C-alpha atoms as a PDB file:
ATOM      1  CA  UNK A   1     109.464  71.190  91.845  1.00  0.00           C
ATOM      2  CA  UNK A   2     106.559  73.631  91.290  1.00  0.00           C
ATOM      3  CA  UNK A   3     107.456  77.203  90.481  1.00  0.00           C
ATOM      4  CA  UNK A   4     105.553  80.469  90.422  1.00  0.00           C
ATOM      5  CA  UNK A   5     106.184  84.122  89.914  1.00  0.00           C
ATOM      6  CA  UNK A   6     105.487  86.705  92.651  1.00  0.00           C
ATOM      7  CA  UNK A   7     104.999  90.419  91.493  1.00  0.00           C
ATOM      8  CA  UNK A   8     107.301  92.689  93.538  1.00  0.00           C
ATOM      9  CA  UNK A   9     106.684  96.065  91.730  1.00  0.00           C
ATOM     10  CA  UNK A  10     105.172  97.788  88.780  1.00  0.00           C
ATOM     11  CA  UNK A  11     106.189 101.091  87.289  1.00  0.00           C
ATOM     12  CA  UNK A  12     105.921 103.399  84.130  1.00  0.00           C
ATOM     13  CA  UNK A  13     108.836 103.604  81.793  1.00  0.00           C
ATOM     14  CA  UNK A  14     109.435 105.902  78.911  1.00  0.00           C
ATOM     15  CA  UNK A  15     110.853 104.151  75.821  1.00  0.00           C
ATOM     16  CA  UNK A  16     113.424 105.516  73.617  1.00  0.00           C
ATOM     17  CA  UNK A  17     110.736 105.134  70.841  1.00  0.00           C
ATOM     18  CA  UNK A  18     108.568 107.865  72.615  1.00  0.00           C
ATOM     19  CA  UNK A  19     105.956 105.375  74.062  1.00  0.00           C
ATOM     20  CA  UNK A  20     105.190 104.799  77.678  1.00  0.00           C
ATOM     21  CA  UNK A  21     105.340 101.265  79.018  1.00  0.00           C
ATOM     22  CA  UNK A  22     104.165  99.547  82.210  1.00  0.00           C
ATOM     23  CA  UNK A  23     107.048  97.376  83.632  1.00  0.00           C
ATOM     24  CA  UNK A  24     106.392  94.679  86.241  1.00  0.00           C
ATOM     25  CA  UNK A  25     109.130  93.088  88.348  1.00  0.00           C
ATOM     26  CA  UNK A  26     108.649  89.464  89.532  1.00  0.00           C
ATOM     27  CA  UNK A  27     110.599  87.197  91.777  1.00  0.00           C
ATOM     28  CA  UNK A  28     110.719  83.287  91.071  1.00  0.00           C
ATOM     29  CA  UNK A  29     109.248  81.281  93.991  1.00  0.00           C
ATOM     30  CA  UNK A  30     109.610  77.408  94.308  1.00  0.00           C
ATOM     31  CA  UNK A  31     107.435  75.163  96.566  1.00  0.00           C
ATOM     32  CA  UNK A  32     109.361  73.324  99.115  1.00  0.00           C
ATOM     33  CA  UNK A  33     108.845  69.561  98.432  1.00  0.00           C
ATOM     34  CA  UNK A  34     109.155  68.540 102.105  1.00  0.00           C
ATOM     35  CA  UNK A  35     105.996  70.478 103.037  1.00  0.00           C
ATOM     36  CA  UNK A  36     102.923  68.662 101.940  1.00  0.00           C
ATOM     37  CA  UNK A  37     100.049  70.815 103.267  1.00  0.00           C
ATOM     38  CA  UNK A  38      97.330  72.345 100.925  1.00  0.00           C
ATOM     39  CA  UNK A  39      98.807  75.695 100.915  1.00  0.00           C
ATOM     40  CA  UNK A  40     102.458  74.615 100.825  1.00  0.00           C
ATOM     41  CA  UNK A  41     105.477  76.753 101.505  1.00  0.00           C
ATOM     42  CA  UNK A  42     106.943  78.990  98.792  1.00  0.00           C
ATOM     43  CA  UNK A  43     110.466  80.258  98.920  1.00  0.00           C
ATOM     44  CA  UNK A  44     112.406  82.776  96.841  1.00  0.00           C
ATOM     45  CA  UNK A  45     114.980  81.206  94.373  1.00  0.00           C
ATOM     46  CA  UNK A  46     117.123  84.434  94.005  1.00  0.00           C
ATOM     47  CA  UNK A  47     115.904  84.776  90.462  1.00  0.00           C
ATOM     48  CA  UNK A  48     114.093  87.874  89.293  1.00  0.00           C
ATOM     49  CA  UNK A  49     112.655  89.030  85.916  1.00  0.00           C
ATOM     50  CA  UNK A  50     111.027  92.095  84.400  1.00  0.00           C
ATOM     51  CA  UNK A  51     108.228  92.058  81.817  1.00  0.00           C
ATOM     52  CA  UNK A  52     106.090  94.583  80.001  1.00  0.00           C
ATOM     53  CA  UNK A  53     102.408  94.635  80.681  1.00  0.00           C
ATOM     54  CA  UNK A  54     101.769  92.781  77.403  1.00  0.00           C
ATOM     55  CA  UNK A  55     104.348  90.021  78.401  1.00  0.00           C
ATOM     56  CA  UNK A  56     107.382  90.899  76.472  1.00  0.00           C
ATOM     57  CA  UNK A  57     110.672  90.488  78.420  1.00  0.00           C
ATOM     58  CA  UNK A  58     112.520  93.395  79.733  1.00  0.00           C
ATOM     59  CA  UNK A  59     116.357  93.032  79.990  1.00  0.00           C
ATOM     60  CA  UNK A  60     118.163  94.746  82.845  1.00  0.00           C
ATOM     61  CA  UNK A  61     121.879  95.377  82.569  1.00  0.00           C
ATOM     62  CA  UNK A  62     124.286  95.208  85.428  1.00  0.00           C
ATOM     63  CA  UNK A  63     124.200  99.101  85.531  1.00  0.00           C
ATOM     64  CA  UNK A  64     120.365  99.043  85.768  1.00  0.00           C
ATOM     65  CA  UNK A  65     119.597 100.264  82.179  1.00  0.00           C
ATOM     66  CA  UNK A  66     116.543  98.524  80.803  1.00  0.00           C
ATOM     67  CA  UNK A  67     115.607  97.565  77.198  1.00  0.00           C
ATOM     68  CA  UNK A  68     112.780  95.654  75.734  1.00  0.00           C
ATOM     69  CA  UNK A  69     114.345  92.315  74.555  1.00  0.00           C
ATOM     70  CA  UNK A  70     115.112  91.887  70.902  1.00  0.00           C
ATOM     71  CA  UNK A  71     114.001  95.456  69.923  1.00  0.00           C
ATOM     72  CA  UNK A  72     116.660  97.813  70.991  1.00  0.00           C
ATOM     73  CA  UNK A  73     114.099  99.988  72.711  1.00  0.00           C
ATOM     74  CA  UNK A  74     115.777 101.424  75.859  1.00  0.00           C
ATOM     75  CA  UNK A  75     113.602 102.159  78.941  1.00  0.00           C
ATOM     76  CA  UNK A  76     113.851 104.717  81.578  1.00  0.00           C
ATOM     77  CA  UNK A  77     111.809 104.586  84.633  1.00  0.00           C
ATOM     78  CA  UNK A  78     109.543 107.603  84.929  1.00  0.00           C
ATOM     79  CA  UNK A  79     110.012 109.855  87.966  1.00  0.00           C
ATOM     80  CA  UNK A  80     107.003 110.045  90.501  1.00  0.00           C
ATOM     81  CA  UNK A  81     105.664 113.512  90.896  1.00  0.00           C
ATOM     82  CA  UNK A  82     106.663 115.062  94.111  1.00  0.00           C
ATOM     83  CA  UNK A  83     103.026 115.408  95.407  1.00  0.00           C
ATOM     84  CA  UNK A  84     102.581 111.548  94.808  1.00  0.00           C
ATOM     85  CA  UNK A  85     105.887 110.881  96.609  1.00  0.00           C
ATOM     86  CA  UNK A  86     105.029 112.780  99.711  1.00  0.00           C
ATOM     87  CA  UNK A  87     101.652 111.120 100.074  1.00  0.00           C
ATOM     88  CA  UNK A  88     103.340 107.745 101.142  1.00  0.00           C
END
């Protein structure tokens, strides 16, 4: 079975080390074997993951807290400015 990642979101997060990081959220997709056309049909697998822009894995706890894997650096999503939020 073929698999691929589909980006769902990206956002800035402030690390407990004082640095700002770009975090990207992905869902795992799998190609349905029964469909044999050129483009195929991709379906979500129910698995998601978060990574930093540089590829390092971000762990997300059940309570929603995030940290950079194997570093102990905790991440907090940066709030969008009110002006930017109202432009949507």
